[in-house]
């Protein structure tokens, strides 16, 4: 997450993506990227410059009183 925050501080957008490929495909990727065979791919990170008018997902926040009890 720190890496994604660092990208953001530089004006870049980053998106963590789950690696969901077959073993055969993973082996091809590691070969092309010179990644040792003993290492396992767990995620990709897409990086780019976001558009100024892009939409961002946002969840509604519940009021803390709906789940917090202070004694």
C-alpha atoms as a PDB file:
ATOM      1  CA  UNK A   1       0.000   0.000   0.000  1.00  0.00           C
ATOM      2  CA  UNK A   2       2.907   2.324   0.693  1.00  0.00           C
ATOM      3  CA  UNK A   3       4.040   1.844  -2.906  1.00  0.00           C
ATOM      4  CA  UNK A   4       0.562   2.780  -4.185  1.00  0.00           C
ATOM      5  CA  UNK A   5       0.567   5.861  -1.935  1.00  0.00           C
ATOM      6  CA  UNK A   6       4.003   6.808  -3.280  1.00  0.00           C
ATOM      7  CA  UNK A   7       2.697   6.542  -6.859  1.00  0.00           C
ATOM      8  CA  UNK A   8      -0.227   8.785  -5.911  1.00  0.00           C
ATOM      9  CA  UNK A   9       2.140  11.369  -4.415  1.00  0.00           C
ATOM     10  CA  UNK A  10       3.858  11.533  -7.822  1.00  0.00           C
ATOM     11  CA  UNK A  11       0.571  12.091  -9.659  1.00  0.00           C
ATOM     12  CA  UNK A  12       0.303   8.504 -10.853  1.00  0.00           C
ATOM     13  CA  UNK A  13      -2.604   6.144 -10.410  1.00  0.00           C
ATOM     14  CA  UNK A  14      -1.987   2.583  -9.280  1.00  0.00           C
ATOM     15  CA  UNK A  15      -4.241  -0.446  -9.083  1.00  0.00           C
ATOM     16  CA  UNK A  16      -3.336  -3.729  -7.372  1.00  0.00           C
ATOM     17  CA  UNK A  17      -4.475  -6.695  -9.447  1.00  0.00           C
ATOM     18  CA  UNK A  18      -4.761 -10.335  -8.398  1.00  0.00           C
ATOM     19  CA  UNK A  19      -2.521 -12.727 -10.343  1.00  0.00           C
ATOM     20  CA  UNK A  20      -4.920 -15.290 -11.729  1.00  0.00           C
ATOM     21  CA  UNK A  21      -3.028 -17.188 -14.416  1.00  0.00           C
ATOM     22  CA  UNK A  22      -2.235 -20.828 -15.090  1.00  0.00           C
ATOM     23  CA  UNK A  23       1.094 -22.278 -13.990  1.00  0.00           C
ATOM     24  CA  UNK A  24       2.168 -22.477 -17.638  1.00  0.00           C
ATOM     25  CA  UNK A  25       1.391 -18.789 -18.205  1.00  0.00           C
ATOM     26  CA  UNK A  26       3.145 -17.817 -14.968  1.00  0.00           C
ATOM     27  CA  UNK A  27       6.271 -19.684 -16.084  1.00  0.00           C
ATOM     28  CA  UNK A  28       6.256 -17.788 -19.405  1.00  0.00           C
ATOM     29  CA  UNK A  29       5.874 -14.443 -17.623  1.00  0.00           C
ATOM     30  CA  UNK A  30       8.696 -15.210 -15.182  1.00  0.00           C
ATOM     31  CA  UNK A  31      10.960 -16.274 -18.051  1.00  0.00           C
ATOM     32  CA  UNK A  32      10.363 -13.063 -20.012  1.00  0.00           C
ATOM     33  CA  UNK A  33      10.743 -10.862 -16.915  1.00  0.00           C
ATOM     34  CA  UNK A  34      13.845 -12.707 -15.631  1.00  0.00           C
ATOM     35  CA  UNK A  35      12.096 -13.653 -12.380  1.00  0.00           C
ATOM     36  CA  UNK A  36      13.732 -16.639 -10.619  1.00  0.00           C
ATOM     37  CA  UNK A  37      11.823 -19.931 -10.843  1.00  0.00           C
ATOM     38  CA  UNK A  38      11.735 -20.192  -7.046  1.00  0.00           C
ATOM     39  CA  UNK A  39       9.621 -17.037  -6.724  1.00  0.00           C
ATOM     40  CA  UNK A  40       5.825 -16.925  -6.972  1.00  0.00           C
ATOM     41  CA  UNK A  41       3.786 -14.168  -8.625  1.00  0.00           C
ATOM     42  CA  UNK A  42       1.062 -12.943  -6.282  1.00  0.00           C
ATOM     43  CA  UNK A  43      -0.056  -9.668  -7.843  1.00  0.00           C
ATOM     44  CA  UNK A  44       0.419  -7.120 -10.583  1.00  0.00           C
ATOM     45  CA  UNK A  45       0.278  -3.377 -10.180  1.00  0.00           C
ATOM     46  CA  UNK A  46      -1.136  -1.336 -13.048  1.00  0.00           C
ATOM     47  CA  UNK A  47       0.360   2.169 -13.157  1.00  0.00           C
ATOM     48  CA  UNK A  48      -0.589   5.174 -15.231  1.00  0.00           C
ATOM     49  CA  UNK A  49      -1.725   8.763 -15.302  1.00  0.00           C
ATOM     50  CA  UNK A  50      -5.415   9.015 -14.349  1.00  0.00           C
ATOM     51  CA  UNK A  51      -7.809  11.165 -16.347  1.00  0.00           C
ATOM     52  CA  UNK A  52      -8.997  14.321 -14.618  1.00  0.00           C
ATOM     53  CA  UNK A  53     -12.648  13.349 -15.087  1.00  0.00           C
ATOM     54  CA  UNK A  54     -12.461   9.708 -13.957  1.00  0.00           C
ATOM     55  CA  UNK A  55     -14.882   8.183 -11.460  1.00  0.00           C
ATOM     56  CA  UNK A  56     -13.676   6.643  -8.195  1.00  0.00           C
ATOM     57  CA  UNK A  57     -15.584   4.013  -6.236  1.00  0.00           C
ATOM     58  CA  UNK A  58     -16.744   5.302  -2.867  1.00  0.00           C
ATOM     59  CA  UNK A  59     -18.631   3.530  -0.092  1.00  0.00           C
ATOM     60  CA  UNK A  60     -21.166   5.321   2.053  1.00  0.00           C
ATOM     61  CA  UNK A  61     -19.923   5.786   5.616  1.00  0.00           C
ATOM     62  CA  UNK A  62     -22.152   4.799   8.502  1.00  0.00           C
ATOM     63  CA  UNK A  63     -22.384   7.118  11.467  1.00  0.00           C
ATOM     64  CA  UNK A  64     -20.103   5.808  14.252  1.00  0.00           C
ATOM     65  CA  UNK A  65     -23.022   5.853  16.696  1.00  0.00           C
ATOM     66  CA  UNK A  66     -24.609   3.007  14.712  1.00  0.00           C
ATOM     67  CA  UNK A  67     -21.848   0.563  15.746  1.00  0.00           C
ATOM     68  CA  UNK A  68     -19.824   2.197  18.567  1.00  0.00           C
ATOM     69  CA  UNK A  69     -20.628   1.882  22.252  1.00  0.00           C
ATOM     70  CA  UNK A  70     -18.716   4.047  24.724  1.00  0.00           C
ATOM     71  CA  UNK A  71     -18.695   2.949  28.375  1.00  0.00           C
END
